[in-house]
Structure formats: C-alpha cells, structure tokens
Protein backbone atom coordinates (compact mmCIF):
# COMPACT_ATOMS: atom_id res chain seq x y z
CA MET A 1 0.00 0.00 0.00
CA ALA A 2 1.41 3.37 -1.02
CA THR A 3 1.62 6.09 1.63
CA LYS A 4 2.32 9.76 1.04
CA LEU A 5 5.63 11.22 2.26
CA THR A 6 6.59 14.89 2.21
CA LEU A 7 10.26 15.77 1.73
CA THR A 8 11.93 19.16 1.99
CA LEU A 9 14.85 19.61 -0.40
CA ASP A 10 16.89 22.39 -1.94
CA LYS A 11 15.32 23.78 -5.17
CA GLU A 12 18.41 22.92 -7.22
CA THR A 13 18.39 19.36 -5.89
CA ILE A 14 14.74 18.98 -6.89
CA LYS A 15 15.48 20.35 -10.36
CA ILE A 16 18.36 17.91 -10.85
CA ALA A 17 16.28 15.00 -9.52
CA LYS A 18 13.39 15.81 -11.88
CA GLU A 19 15.76 15.96 -14.86
CA TYR A 20 17.31 12.65 -13.86
CA ALA A 21 13.89 11.06 -13.43
CA LYS A 22 12.75 12.27 -16.84
CA ARG A 23 15.92 11.00 -18.56
CA ASN A 24 15.52 7.60 -16.91
CA ASN A 25 11.75 7.33 -17.30
CA ILE A 26 11.09 6.94 -13.58
CA SER A 27 9.11 9.00 -11.09
CA LEU A 28 10.71 10.88 -8.22
CA SER A 29 8.74 8.66 -5.86
CA GLY A 30 10.20 5.63 -7.62
CA ILE A 31 13.73 6.97 -7.18
CA VAL A 32 13.21 7.63 -3.46
CA GLU A 33 11.58 4.23 -2.94
CA LEU A 34 14.43 2.44 -4.73
CA TYR A 35 16.99 4.42 -2.72
CA PHE A 36 15.45 3.36 0.59
CA LYS A 37 15.14 -0.25 -0.55
CA VAL A 38 18.84 -0.31 -1.43
CA LEU A 39 19.75 1.29 1.91
CA SER A 40 17.75 -1.24 3.86
CA SER A 41 18.98 -4.28 1.90
CA ASN A 42 22.45 -5.73 1.83
CA ALA A 43 23.73 -3.09 -0.61
CA ARG A 44 27.16 -4.73 -0.86
CA ASP A 45 25.70 -7.89 -2.40
CA TYR A 46 23.30 -5.82 -4.51
CA ARG A 47 26.03 -3.90 -6.32
CA ILE A 48 28.91 -6.37 -6.60
CA SER A 49 28.79 -8.91 -9.39
CA PRO A 50 29.49 -12.58 -8.55
CA ILE A 51 32.81 -12.52 -10.43
CA THR A 52 33.99 -9.41 -8.60
CA ARG A 53 32.89 -10.87 -5.26
CA GLU A 54 34.78 -14.10 -6.04
CA LEU A 55 37.97 -12.26 -7.01
CA SER A 56 37.94 -9.80 -4.14
CA GLY A 57 40.74 -10.34 -1.67
CA ILE A 58 43.04 -12.12 -4.12
CA ALA A 59 45.40 -9.15 -4.56
CA SER A 60 47.15 -7.65 -1.60
CA LEU A 61 48.53 -4.15 -1.49
CA SER A 62 51.74 -3.23 0.24
CA THR A 63 50.96 -1.15 3.29
CA THR A 64 54.57 -0.47 4.16
CA LYS A 65 55.05 2.21 1.49
CA SER A 66 53.30 5.55 1.28
CA ASP A 67 51.23 6.58 -1.74
CA LYS A 68 53.99 9.02 -2.67
CA GLU A 69 56.60 6.26 -2.66
CA LEU A 70 54.43 3.94 -4.73
CA LEU A 71 53.75 6.69 -7.28
CA GLU A 72 57.45 7.56 -7.48
CA GLU A 73 58.36 3.92 -8.14
CA ALA A 74 55.70 3.56 -10.84
CA LEU A 75 56.85 6.74 -12.58
CA ASN A 76 60.49 5.67 -12.42
CA LYS A 77 59.67 2.29 -13.96
CA ARG A 78 57.70 3.93 -16.73
CA PHE A 79 59.97 6.83 -17.65
CA LEU A 80 63.49 5.77 -16.65
C-alpha cells in the first residue's frame, strides 16, 4: 500500500532530480523508494557482481610504502 511522504529539499536538488527522473523514465517517488530499498537491503551484495565478489581479496597491497613512494616507483619504472 502506497503512503504519502513529504520531503523538503533544496530547489536545485529537486530540479536535478526531476531531470534525472525524466531521462531515466522513472518517477521521483520511484527513485526515493528504490533508494530506501537499497539502503535497507544488503547493498554490498546488490552492487557487486558474482565474479567481482569471487575475485575480491586475491590481490594484496603493500601497506609499508606511502602513496607518494608507490607513485614515485611507478613513474620511475615507466619513464626511466
């Protein structure tokens, strides 16, 4: 059973949401309903494909080097 809900949003946000809804052929109510369904479900399983889920955790990243050091090494390998 559908129940009415009143939301207060910024005018620009409403404008953007209406444009998005029109482009995607969905109502604003439909967008909000889908958003809350995704929030209340296990969103991690909802968005990750089975192959990605299976492969996750295979690669390990070095945590001993800083991002700057890793970038420097990659650039040196590429350009030197």
